[in-house]
C-alpha cells in the first residue's frame, strides 16, 4: 500500500523537487555570504552550475516561486529560517507580496544570515529523496498540447478569471505540461504564496 501523500505535497511535481535540489545549495551559499539574488539571477546561476541538467536548463524565472516552495517546506518542517527570503523581485528589490503577507523579509533574512547552514546539506538530500517518493506521478503533456489546453480553458472561463491572469501564462503552461489539469493550473497560480 503506497504511503499517503501529506497535503503539502499534493501540488509538488518531480520538476519542482529537481529544481529545488539545484536551488538549495545556491541559497545556502547566498546565506553564508549574506547576499540576495533576483529570481532571474537564481535561475541563471543554476543553469551555469548545472549545464548538463536538462530540467535546470529549461527553468524559467516566472515559475521559480513554486520550486522555492519545496525549499520552504524543508525549512518550515525543521524550524529553520526561510532561505527563500534571499530571492527577491528585480522590480521591487524585495520578496514577493505573498511572502511579505506572512513574513517580514528583513527579519527573516537576518535569521537566515545568522543561522549555521553547514550541517543541513545531507538532511536536505534526505528530504529530497523522501519528497520524490511521496509525490504522485502525473502524466505530462507537450508544450503545444498544454498551450491549447490553457487557451481553451481561458476562453471558457474568461469571465471568472482575474484580469492579470495573462501575466501568469508561462507558469500555467508549465503546470499543465507537468500534468496538472487546466483548472488546477489556473487555481494554483491565483493562490497567494
N, C-alpha and C. Protein backbone atom coordinates (compact mmCIF):
# COMPACT_ATOMS: atom_id res chain seq x y z
N UNK A 1 0.84 -1.19 0.00
CA UNK A 1 0.00 0.00 0.00
C UNK A 1 0.89 1.25 0.00
N UNK A 2 0.66 2.20 -0.95
CA UNK A 2 1.50 3.40 -1.01
C UNK A 2 1.31 4.28 0.22
N UNK A 3 2.38 4.99 0.57
CA UNK A 3 2.32 5.93 1.69
C UNK A 3 1.41 7.09 1.30
N UNK A 4 0.47 7.49 2.20
CA UNK A 4 -0.38 8.63 1.86
C UNK A 4 0.46 9.89 1.67
N UNK A 5 0.05 10.71 0.73
CA UNK A 5 0.76 11.94 0.43
C UNK A 5 0.24 13.05 1.35
N UNK A 6 1.13 13.66 2.16
CA UNK A 6 0.68 14.76 3.01
C UNK A 6 0.14 15.89 2.14
N UNK A 7 -0.86 16.65 2.63
CA UNK A 7 -1.46 17.72 1.82
C UNK A 7 -0.46 18.70 1.23
N UNK A 8 0.61 19.02 1.95
CA UNK A 8 1.61 19.95 1.41
C UNK A 8 2.25 19.44 0.13
N UNK A 9 2.29 18.13 -0.05
CA UNK A 9 2.97 17.53 -1.18
C UNK A 9 2.05 17.33 -2.38
N UNK A 10 0.76 17.56 -2.24
CA UNK A 10 -0.19 17.26 -3.31
C UNK A 10 0.11 17.99 -4.61
N UNK A 11 0.56 19.22 -4.52
CA UNK A 11 0.80 20.01 -5.72
C UNK A 11 2.27 20.05 -6.13
N UNK A 12 3.09 19.27 -5.47
CA UNK A 12 4.51 19.24 -5.80
C UNK A 12 4.75 18.25 -6.93
N UNK A 13 5.55 18.68 -7.89
CA UNK A 13 5.89 17.81 -9.02
C UNK A 13 7.35 17.38 -8.92
N UNK A 14 7.69 16.39 -9.71
CA UNK A 14 9.08 15.93 -9.76
C UNK A 14 9.99 17.06 -10.25
N UNK A 15 9.51 17.87 -11.16
CA UNK A 15 10.31 19.00 -11.65
C UNK A 15 10.54 20.00 -10.51
N UNK A 16 9.51 20.26 -9.69
CA UNK A 16 9.68 21.15 -8.54
C UNK A 16 10.81 20.65 -7.65
N UNK A 17 10.81 19.35 -7.38
CA UNK A 17 11.81 18.75 -6.50
C UNK A 17 13.19 18.83 -7.11
N UNK A 18 13.30 18.52 -8.39
CA UNK A 18 14.61 18.54 -9.05
C UNK A 18 15.18 19.96 -9.08
N UNK A 19 14.34 20.94 -9.34
CA UNK A 19 14.83 22.32 -9.35
C UNK A 19 15.14 22.81 -7.94
N UNK A 20 14.33 22.42 -6.97
CA UNK A 20 14.63 22.80 -5.58
C UNK A 20 15.98 22.24 -5.15
N UNK A 21 16.29 21.03 -5.61
CA UNK A 21 17.58 20.44 -5.23
C UNK A 21 18.75 21.18 -5.89
N UNK A 22 18.50 21.84 -7.01
CA UNK A 22 19.54 22.66 -7.64
C UNK A 22 19.62 24.03 -6.96
N UNK A 23 18.48 24.57 -6.54
CA UNK A 23 18.46 25.90 -5.94
C UNK A 23 18.97 25.90 -4.49
N UNK A 24 18.71 24.84 -3.76
CA UNK A 24 19.05 24.80 -2.34
C UNK A 24 20.53 25.11 -2.06
N UNK A 25 21.50 24.42 -2.71
CA UNK A 25 22.90 24.75 -2.40
C UNK A 25 23.27 26.19 -2.77
N UNK A 26 22.62 26.73 -3.78
CA UNK A 26 22.86 28.13 -4.15
C UNK A 26 22.36 29.04 -3.03
N UNK A 27 21.18 28.73 -2.50
CA UNK A 27 20.62 29.53 -1.41
C UNK A 27 21.48 29.45 -0.16
N UNK A 28 21.99 28.27 0.14
CA UNK A 28 22.88 28.12 1.30
C UNK A 28 24.14 28.96 1.10
N UNK A 29 24.68 28.93 -0.10
CA UNK A 29 25.86 29.75 -0.40
C UNK A 29 25.54 31.24 -0.24
N UNK A 30 24.38 31.64 -0.71
CA UNK A 30 23.96 33.04 -0.54
C UNK A 30 23.88 33.40 0.94
N UNK A 31 23.32 32.49 1.74
CA UNK A 31 23.18 32.73 3.18
C UNK A 31 24.55 32.91 3.83
N UNK A 32 25.49 32.07 3.44
CA UNK A 32 26.84 32.16 4.02
C UNK A 32 27.53 33.47 3.67
N UNK A 33 27.21 33.99 2.48
CA UNK A 33 27.84 35.24 2.02
C UNK A 33 26.96 36.47 2.26
N UNK A 34 25.82 36.24 2.91
CA UNK A 34 24.89 37.34 3.23
C UNK A 34 24.53 38.15 1.98
N UNK A 35 24.01 37.42 1.00
CA UNK A 35 23.71 38.02 -0.29
C UNK A 35 22.34 37.56 -0.78
N UNK A 36 21.71 38.36 -1.62
CA UNK A 36 20.42 38.02 -2.23
C UNK A 36 20.58 37.97 -3.75
N UNK A 37 19.65 37.28 -4.42
CA UNK A 37 19.60 37.24 -5.88
C UNK A 37 18.16 37.47 -6.32
N UNK A 38 17.99 37.94 -7.54
CA UNK A 38 16.64 38.02 -8.12
C UNK A 38 16.27 36.62 -8.62
N UNK A 39 15.00 36.43 -8.93
CA UNK A 39 14.54 35.15 -9.47
C UNK A 39 15.33 34.80 -10.73
N UNK A 40 15.48 35.77 -11.62
CA UNK A 40 16.23 35.53 -12.86
C UNK A 40 17.68 35.17 -12.61
N UNK A 41 18.32 35.86 -11.66
CA UNK A 41 19.72 35.56 -11.34
C UNK A 41 19.86 34.16 -10.73
N UNK A 42 18.89 33.76 -9.90
CA UNK A 42 18.93 32.42 -9.32
C UNK A 42 18.83 31.36 -10.42
N UNK A 43 17.90 31.54 -11.34
CA UNK A 43 17.73 30.58 -12.43
C UNK A 43 19.01 30.54 -13.28
N UNK A 44 19.58 31.69 -13.59
CA UNK A 44 20.79 31.73 -14.41
C UNK A 44 21.97 31.08 -13.69
N UNK A 45 22.09 31.33 -12.41
CA UNK A 45 23.19 30.71 -11.65
C UNK A 45 23.05 29.19 -11.64
N UNK A 46 21.82 28.71 -11.46
CA UNK A 46 21.59 27.26 -11.51
C UNK A 46 21.95 26.71 -12.88
N UNK A 47 21.59 27.41 -13.94
CA UNK A 47 21.93 26.96 -15.29
C UNK A 47 23.44 26.92 -15.48
N UNK A 48 24.14 27.91 -14.92
CA UNK A 48 25.60 27.93 -15.02
C UNK A 48 26.23 26.78 -14.24
N UNK A 49 25.66 26.45 -13.09
CA UNK A 49 26.22 25.40 -12.23
C UNK A 49 25.82 23.98 -12.65
N UNK A 50 24.74 23.86 -13.42
CA UNK A 50 24.26 22.54 -13.85
C UNK A 50 24.03 22.54 -15.36
N UNK A 51 25.10 22.74 -16.14
CA UNK A 51 24.94 22.89 -17.59
C UNK A 51 24.43 21.64 -18.31
N UNK A 52 24.57 20.48 -17.71
CA UNK A 52 24.13 19.24 -18.37
C UNK A 52 22.79 18.74 -17.85
N UNK A 53 22.16 19.49 -16.97
CA UNK A 53 20.87 19.09 -16.40
C UNK A 53 19.76 19.75 -17.22
N UNK A 54 19.06 18.95 -18.03
CA UNK A 54 18.02 19.48 -18.93
C UNK A 54 16.90 20.18 -18.18
N UNK A 55 16.53 19.67 -17.02
CA UNK A 55 15.45 20.30 -16.25
C UNK A 55 15.87 21.69 -15.80
N UNK A 56 17.09 21.82 -15.30
CA UNK A 56 17.59 23.12 -14.87
C UNK A 56 17.72 24.06 -16.07
N UNK A 57 18.17 23.55 -17.18
CA UNK A 57 18.35 24.38 -18.37
C UNK A 57 17.01 24.88 -18.92
N UNK A 58 15.92 24.19 -18.63
CA UNK A 58 14.59 24.59 -19.09
C UNK A 58 13.87 25.51 -18.11
N UNK A 59 14.46 25.75 -16.95
CA UNK A 59 13.80 26.56 -15.91
C UNK A 59 13.60 27.99 -16.37
N UNK A 60 12.50 28.59 -15.90
CA UNK A 60 12.21 29.99 -16.19
C UNK A 60 11.92 30.72 -14.88
N UNK A 61 12.27 32.00 -14.79
CA UNK A 61 12.07 32.74 -13.54
C UNK A 61 10.62 32.78 -13.07
N UNK A 62 9.66 32.85 -13.99
CA UNK A 62 8.27 33.04 -13.60
C UNK A 62 7.72 31.90 -12.75
N UNK A 63 8.25 30.70 -12.88
CA UNK A 63 7.75 29.57 -12.08
C UNK A 63 8.68 29.21 -10.92
N UNK A 64 9.67 30.02 -10.67
CA UNK A 64 10.65 29.73 -9.63
C UNK A 64 10.03 29.71 -8.23
N UNK A 65 9.03 30.52 -7.99
CA UNK A 65 8.37 30.54 -6.69
C UNK A 65 7.83 29.17 -6.30
N UNK A 66 7.26 28.45 -7.26
CA UNK A 66 6.77 27.09 -7.00
C UNK A 66 7.90 26.18 -6.56
N UNK A 67 9.03 26.30 -7.18
CA UNK A 67 10.18 25.46 -6.86
C UNK A 67 10.73 25.82 -5.47
N UNK A 68 10.71 27.10 -5.16
CA UNK A 68 11.18 27.54 -3.86
C UNK A 68 10.26 27.08 -2.73
N UNK A 69 8.99 26.81 -3.06
CA UNK A 69 8.06 26.28 -2.06
C UNK A 69 8.58 24.96 -1.48
N UNK A 70 9.27 24.16 -2.29
CA UNK A 70 9.82 22.89 -1.81
C UNK A 70 10.92 23.17 -0.78
N UNK A 71 11.76 24.15 -1.05
CA UNK A 71 12.80 24.54 -0.09
C UNK A 71 12.13 25.05 1.19
N UNK A 72 11.08 25.85 1.04
CA UNK A 72 10.35 26.39 2.19
C UNK A 72 9.73 25.26 3.01
N UNK A 73 9.21 24.22 2.36
CA UNK A 73 8.66 23.07 3.09
C UNK A 73 9.74 22.46 3.98
N UNK A 74 10.94 22.31 3.43
CA UNK A 74 12.06 21.74 4.19
C UNK A 74 12.40 22.60 5.40
N UNK A 75 12.57 23.90 5.19
CA UNK A 75 12.96 24.76 6.31
C UNK A 75 11.85 24.87 7.35
N UNK A 76 10.59 24.93 6.90
CA UNK A 76 9.47 25.00 7.83
C UNK A 76 9.36 23.75 8.69
N UNK A 77 9.50 22.58 8.05
CA UNK A 77 9.39 21.31 8.78
C UNK A 77 10.47 21.18 9.85
N UNK A 78 11.59 21.88 9.69
CA UNK A 78 12.71 21.76 10.62
C UNK A 78 12.91 23.01 11.47
N UNK A 79 11.96 23.91 11.43
CA UNK A 79 12.04 25.15 12.20
C UNK A 79 13.31 25.94 11.92
N UNK A 80 13.69 26.00 10.67
CA UNK A 80 14.86 26.77 10.25
C UNK A 80 14.40 28.08 9.61
N UNK A 81 15.28 29.06 9.55
CA UNK A 81 14.93 30.30 8.85
C UNK A 81 14.67 30.01 7.37
N UNK A 82 13.82 30.80 6.78
CA UNK A 82 13.37 30.59 5.40
C UNK A 82 14.39 31.12 4.39
N UNK A 83 15.16 30.19 3.82
CA UNK A 83 16.17 30.55 2.81
C UNK A 83 15.58 31.28 1.61
N UNK A 84 14.32 31.03 1.31
CA UNK A 84 13.72 31.63 0.12
C UNK A 84 13.59 33.15 0.24
N UNK A 85 13.79 33.68 1.45
CA UNK A 85 13.75 35.14 1.63
C UNK A 85 14.92 35.82 0.93
N UNK A 86 15.89 35.03 0.47
CA UNK A 86 17.06 35.58 -0.21
C UNK A 86 16.81 35.82 -1.70
N UNK A 87 15.64 35.40 -2.17
CA UNK A 87 15.29 35.58 -3.58
C UNK A 87 14.28 36.73 -3.66
N UNK A 88 14.66 37.74 -4.43
CA UNK A 88 13.87 38.97 -4.49
C UNK A 88 13.44 39.28 -5.92
N UNK A 89 12.45 40.10 -6.02
CA UNK A 89 11.95 40.55 -7.32
C UNK A 89 12.88 41.63 -7.88
N UNK A 90 13.16 41.54 -9.16
CA UNK A 90 14.02 42.55 -9.81
C UNK A 90 13.37 43.93 -9.74
N UNK A 91 12.06 43.98 -9.94
CA UNK A 91 11.35 45.26 -9.98
C UNK A 91 11.29 45.96 -8.64
N UNK A 92 10.94 45.22 -7.59
CA UNK A 92 10.75 45.84 -6.27
C UNK A 92 12.00 45.77 -5.39
N UNK A 93 12.91 44.85 -5.71
CA UNK A 93 14.09 44.67 -4.87
C UNK A 93 13.77 44.00 -3.55
N UNK A 94 12.59 43.36 -3.48
CA UNK A 94 12.16 42.72 -2.25
C UNK A 94 11.40 41.43 -2.60
N UNK A 95 11.16 40.62 -1.58
CA UNK A 95 10.39 39.39 -1.76
C UNK A 95 9.00 39.73 -2.28
N UNK A 96 8.36 38.74 -2.88
CA UNK A 96 7.02 38.94 -3.43
C UNK A 96 5.99 39.26 -2.36
N UNK A 97 4.86 39.79 -2.79
CA UNK A 97 3.80 40.20 -1.85
C UNK A 97 3.26 39.01 -1.06
N UNK A 98 3.20 37.83 -1.66
CA UNK A 98 2.75 36.65 -0.94
C UNK A 98 3.65 36.34 0.24
N UNK A 99 4.94 36.46 0.05
CA UNK A 99 5.91 36.24 1.13
C UNK A 99 5.72 37.30 2.20
N UNK A 100 5.62 38.57 1.77
CA UNK A 100 5.52 39.68 2.71
C UNK A 100 4.22 39.65 3.51
N UNK A 101 3.18 39.00 2.98
CA UNK A 101 1.93 38.88 3.73
C UNK A 101 2.12 38.04 4.99
N UNK A 102 3.05 37.09 4.93
CA UNK A 102 3.24 36.14 6.03
C UNK A 102 4.50 36.38 6.85
N UNK A 103 5.48 37.08 6.29
CA UNK A 103 6.77 37.24 6.96
C UNK A 103 7.33 38.63 6.70
N UNK A 104 8.13 39.11 7.63
CA UNK A 104 8.91 40.32 7.40
C UNK A 104 10.20 39.87 6.74
N UNK A 105 10.41 40.19 5.47
CA UNK A 105 11.59 39.67 4.77
C UNK A 105 12.92 40.10 5.39
N UNK A 106 13.00 41.31 5.92
CA UNK A 106 14.26 41.80 6.51
C UNK A 106 14.61 40.97 7.75
N UNK A 107 13.64 40.78 8.63
CA UNK A 107 13.86 39.99 9.84
C UNK A 107 14.19 38.54 9.48
N UNK A 108 13.48 38.00 8.49
CA UNK A 108 13.72 36.62 8.06
C UNK A 108 15.12 36.47 7.51
N UNK A 109 15.55 37.43 6.68
CA UNK A 109 16.92 37.37 6.12
C UNK A 109 17.97 37.45 7.22
N UNK A 110 17.74 38.30 8.22
CA UNK A 110 18.70 38.39 9.33
C UNK A 110 18.84 37.03 10.03
N UNK A 111 17.72 36.33 10.21
CA UNK A 111 17.77 35.00 10.82
C UNK A 111 18.49 34.00 9.93
N UNK A 112 18.28 34.12 8.61
CA UNK A 112 18.96 33.24 7.64
C UNK A 112 20.47 33.48 7.72
N UNK A 113 20.89 34.74 7.73
CA UNK A 113 22.31 35.07 7.76
C UNK A 113 22.98 34.63 9.06
N UNK A 114 22.23 34.61 10.14
CA UNK A 114 22.79 34.23 11.45
C UNK A 114 22.83 32.71 11.67
N UNK A 115 22.08 31.96 10.89
CA UNK A 115 21.96 30.51 11.08
C UNK A 115 23.20 29.78 10.55
N UNK A 116 23.58 28.68 11.21
CA UNK A 116 24.70 27.85 10.74
C UNK A 116 24.17 26.79 9.78
N UNK A 117 24.40 26.97 8.50
CA UNK A 117 23.88 26.09 7.46
C UNK A 117 24.81 24.93 7.15
N UNK A 118 25.93 24.81 7.83
CA UNK A 118 26.94 23.81 7.49
C UNK A 118 26.48 22.37 7.71
N UNK A 119 25.53 22.13 8.61
CA UNK A 119 25.16 20.76 8.93
C UNK A 119 23.87 20.27 8.28
N UNK A 120 23.25 21.04 7.42
CA UNK A 120 21.94 20.64 6.91
C UNK A 120 21.94 20.17 5.46
N UNK A 121 23.07 20.13 4.81
CA UNK A 121 23.12 19.71 3.42
C UNK A 121 22.68 18.26 3.26
N UNK A 122 23.20 17.38 4.07
CA UNK A 122 22.83 15.96 3.96
C UNK A 122 21.35 15.77 4.33
N UNK A 123 20.89 16.54 5.29
CA UNK A 123 19.49 16.46 5.70
C UNK A 123 18.58 16.85 4.53
N UNK A 124 18.98 17.85 3.76
CA UNK A 124 18.18 18.26 2.61
C UNK A 124 18.15 17.16 1.56
N UNK A 125 19.27 16.50 1.34
CA UNK A 125 19.31 15.39 0.38
C UNK A 125 18.31 14.31 0.77
N UNK A 126 18.23 13.99 2.06
CA UNK A 126 17.27 13.00 2.54
C UNK A 126 15.83 13.48 2.33
N UNK A 127 15.60 14.76 2.58
CA UNK A 127 14.28 15.34 2.37
C UNK A 127 13.88 15.23 0.90
N UNK A 128 14.81 15.54 0.01
CA UNK A 128 14.53 15.47 -1.44
C UNK A 128 14.18 14.03 -1.82
N UNK A 129 14.96 13.07 -1.35
CA UNK A 129 14.67 11.66 -1.67
C UNK A 129 13.29 11.27 -1.16
N UNK A 130 12.94 11.64 0.06
CA UNK A 130 11.63 11.34 0.63
C UNK A 130 10.52 12.00 -0.19
N UNK A 131 10.73 13.27 -0.55
CA UNK A 131 9.72 14.02 -1.30
C UNK A 131 9.49 13.39 -2.67
N UNK A 132 10.56 12.98 -3.34
CA UNK A 132 10.41 12.32 -4.64
C UNK A 132 9.56 11.07 -4.53
N UNK A 133 9.70 10.35 -3.43
CA UNK A 133 8.90 9.14 -3.21
C UNK A 133 7.45 9.47 -2.87
N UNK A 134 7.24 10.61 -2.18
CA UNK A 134 5.90 10.95 -1.69
C UNK A 134 5.00 11.57 -2.76
N UNK A 135 5.59 12.19 -3.78
CA UNK A 135 4.75 12.87 -4.76
C UNK A 135 4.11 11.86 -5.71
N UNK A 136 2.93 12.21 -6.15
CA UNK A 136 2.18 11.36 -7.06
C UNK A 136 2.60 11.68 -8.50
N UNK A 137 3.06 10.67 -9.23
CA UNK A 137 3.45 10.93 -10.63
C UNK A 137 2.25 11.39 -11.45
N UNK A 138 2.50 12.30 -12.36
CA UNK A 138 1.46 12.81 -13.24
C UNK A 138 1.84 12.55 -14.68
N UNK A 139 0.84 12.47 -15.52
CA UNK A 139 1.08 12.29 -16.95
C UNK A 139 1.38 13.67 -17.56
N UNK A 140 2.58 13.81 -18.10
CA UNK A 140 2.99 15.08 -18.67
C UNK A 140 2.49 15.22 -20.10
N UNK A 141 2.42 16.46 -20.58
CA UNK A 141 2.00 16.73 -21.96
C UNK A 141 3.00 17.69 -22.61
N UNK A 142 3.00 17.73 -23.92
CA UNK A 142 3.92 18.61 -24.65
C UNK A 142 3.49 20.07 -24.50
N UNK A 143 4.39 20.97 -24.83
CA UNK A 143 4.11 22.40 -24.72
C UNK A 143 2.96 22.79 -25.65
N UNK A 144 2.92 22.23 -26.85
CA UNK A 144 1.84 22.55 -27.79
C UNK A 144 0.47 22.13 -27.25
N UNK A 145 0.39 20.94 -26.68
CA UNK A 145 -0.86 20.46 -26.09
C UNK A 145 -1.23 21.33 -24.89
N UNK A 146 -0.25 21.66 -24.05
CA UNK A 146 -0.51 22.49 -22.87
C UNK A 146 -1.00 23.88 -23.28
N UNK A 147 -0.42 24.44 -24.33
CA UNK A 147 -0.83 25.76 -24.82
C UNK A 147 -2.29 25.73 -25.26
N UNK A 148 -2.67 24.70 -25.99
CA UNK A 148 -4.07 24.57 -26.45
C UNK A 148 -5.01 24.39 -25.26
N UNK A 149 -4.63 23.55 -24.31
CA UNK A 149 -5.46 23.32 -23.13
C UNK A 149 -5.64 24.61 -22.33
N UNK A 150 -4.56 25.37 -22.17
CA UNK A 150 -4.62 26.63 -21.45
C UNK A 150 -5.53 27.61 -22.16
N UNK A 151 -5.37 27.71 -23.46
CA UNK A 151 -6.17 28.63 -24.27
C UNK A 151 -7.66 28.27 -24.22
N UNK A 152 -7.97 26.99 -24.38
CA UNK A 152 -9.36 26.54 -24.33
C UNK A 152 -10.00 26.87 -22.98
N UNK A 153 -9.27 26.60 -21.91
CA UNK A 153 -9.81 26.86 -20.57
C UNK A 153 -10.02 28.36 -20.37
N UNK A 154 -9.05 29.14 -20.82
CA UNK A 154 -9.15 30.60 -20.67
C UNK A 154 -10.37 31.13 -21.42
N UNK A 155 -10.59 30.65 -22.63
CA UNK A 155 -11.75 31.11 -23.41
C UNK A 155 -13.06 30.74 -22.71
N UNK A 156 -13.13 29.54 -22.15
CA UNK A 156 -14.35 29.08 -21.49
C UNK A 156 -14.63 29.81 -20.18
N UNK A 157 -13.58 30.20 -19.47
CA UNK A 157 -13.75 30.73 -18.12
C UNK A 157 -13.29 32.18 -17.98
N UNK A 158 -13.13 32.85 -19.07
CA UNK A 158 -12.60 34.22 -19.07
C UNK A 158 -13.32 35.13 -18.09
N UNK A 159 -14.63 35.03 -18.02
CA UNK A 159 -15.41 35.93 -17.17
C UNK A 159 -15.16 35.72 -15.67
N UNK A 160 -14.67 34.54 -15.29
CA UNK A 160 -14.44 34.27 -13.87
C UNK A 160 -12.97 34.39 -13.46
N UNK A 161 -12.10 34.62 -14.40
CA UNK A 161 -10.67 34.70 -14.11
C UNK A 161 -10.24 36.13 -13.82
N UNK A 162 -9.22 36.28 -13.01
CA UNK A 162 -8.71 37.62 -12.69
C UNK A 162 -8.15 38.27 -13.94
N UNK A 163 -8.17 39.58 -13.97
CA UNK A 163 -7.72 40.30 -15.16
C UNK A 163 -6.22 40.18 -15.40
N UNK A 164 -5.44 39.91 -14.34
CA UNK A 164 -3.99 39.80 -14.50
C UNK A 164 -3.52 38.38 -14.79
N UNK A 165 -4.44 37.48 -15.09
CA UNK A 165 -4.08 36.07 -15.32
C UNK A 165 -3.13 35.91 -16.51
N UNK A 166 -3.20 36.82 -17.47
CA UNK A 166 -2.32 36.74 -18.65
C UNK A 166 -0.84 36.82 -18.25
N UNK A 167 -0.54 37.52 -17.15
CA UNK A 167 0.84 37.64 -16.68
C UNK A 167 1.38 36.30 -16.18
N UNK A 168 0.51 35.36 -15.90
CA UNK A 168 0.91 34.06 -15.37
C UNK A 168 0.87 32.97 -16.44
N UNK A 169 0.74 33.37 -17.70
CA UNK A 169 0.59 32.45 -18.82
C UNK A 169 1.65 31.35 -18.85
N UNK A 170 2.93 31.72 -18.78
CA UNK A 170 4.01 30.73 -18.87
C UNK A 170 3.96 29.75 -17.71
N UNK A 171 3.62 30.25 -16.54
CA UNK A 171 3.53 29.38 -15.37
C UNK A 171 2.37 28.39 -15.52
N UNK A 172 1.24 28.86 -16.05
CA UNK A 172 0.09 27.97 -16.29
C UNK A 172 0.47 26.89 -17.29
N UNK A 173 1.13 27.26 -18.36
CA UNK A 173 1.56 26.28 -19.37
C UNK A 173 2.50 25.26 -18.74
N UNK A 174 3.45 25.72 -17.93
CA UNK A 174 4.37 24.79 -17.24
C UNK A 174 3.61 23.80 -16.38
N UNK A 175 2.63 24.29 -15.63
CA UNK A 175 1.86 23.40 -14.73
C UNK A 175 1.09 22.36 -15.53
N UNK A 176 0.48 22.77 -16.63
CA UNK A 176 -0.26 21.82 -17.46
C UNK A 176 0.71 20.81 -18.07
N UNK A 177 1.88 21.28 -18.51
CA UNK A 177 2.88 20.36 -19.05
C UNK A 177 3.32 19.34 -18.00
N UNK A 178 3.33 19.75 -16.73
CA UNK A 178 3.75 18.87 -15.64
C UNK A 178 2.65 17.92 -15.21
N UNK A 179 1.47 18.00 -15.84
CA UNK A 179 0.42 17.03 -15.57
C UNK A 179 -0.75 17.51 -14.76
N UNK A 180 -0.81 18.78 -14.42
CA UNK A 180 -1.97 19.31 -13.72
C UNK A 180 -3.08 19.58 -14.74
N UNK A 181 -4.34 19.50 -14.31
CA UNK A 181 -5.45 19.85 -15.20
C UNK A 181 -5.43 21.35 -15.40
N UNK A 182 -6.17 21.80 -16.41
CA UNK A 182 -6.24 23.24 -16.65
C UNK A 182 -6.80 23.95 -15.41
N UNK A 183 -7.85 23.39 -14.84
CA UNK A 183 -8.47 24.01 -13.66
C UNK A 183 -7.47 24.11 -12.50
N UNK A 184 -6.74 23.04 -12.27
CA UNK A 184 -5.74 23.05 -11.20
C UNK A 184 -4.67 24.12 -11.47
N UNK A 185 -4.19 24.17 -12.70
CA UNK A 185 -3.13 25.13 -13.06
C UNK A 185 -3.60 26.56 -12.84
N UNK A 186 -4.79 26.88 -13.31
CA UNK A 186 -5.30 28.24 -13.13
C UNK A 186 -5.50 28.56 -11.65
N UNK A 187 -6.02 27.60 -10.89
CA UNK A 187 -6.23 27.82 -9.45
C UNK A 187 -4.90 28.02 -8.73
N UNK A 188 -3.91 27.23 -9.09
CA UNK A 188 -2.62 27.29 -8.39
C UNK A 188 -1.93 28.64 -8.58
N UNK A 189 -2.02 29.21 -9.77
CA UNK A 189 -1.34 30.49 -9.99
C UNK A 189 -2.10 31.66 -9.38
N UNK A 190 -3.35 31.45 -9.05
CA UNK A 190 -4.14 32.52 -8.44
C UNK A 190 -4.11 32.48 -6.92
N UNK A 191 -3.56 31.40 -6.34
CA UNK A 191 -3.47 31.29 -4.89
C UNK A 191 -2.34 32.17 -4.38
N UNK A 192 -2.57 32.83 -3.24
CA UNK A 192 -1.47 33.62 -2.66
C UNK A 192 -0.37 32.67 -2.16
N UNK A 193 0.86 33.12 -2.26
CA UNK A 193 2.01 32.32 -1.84
C UNK A 193 2.01 32.21 -0.34
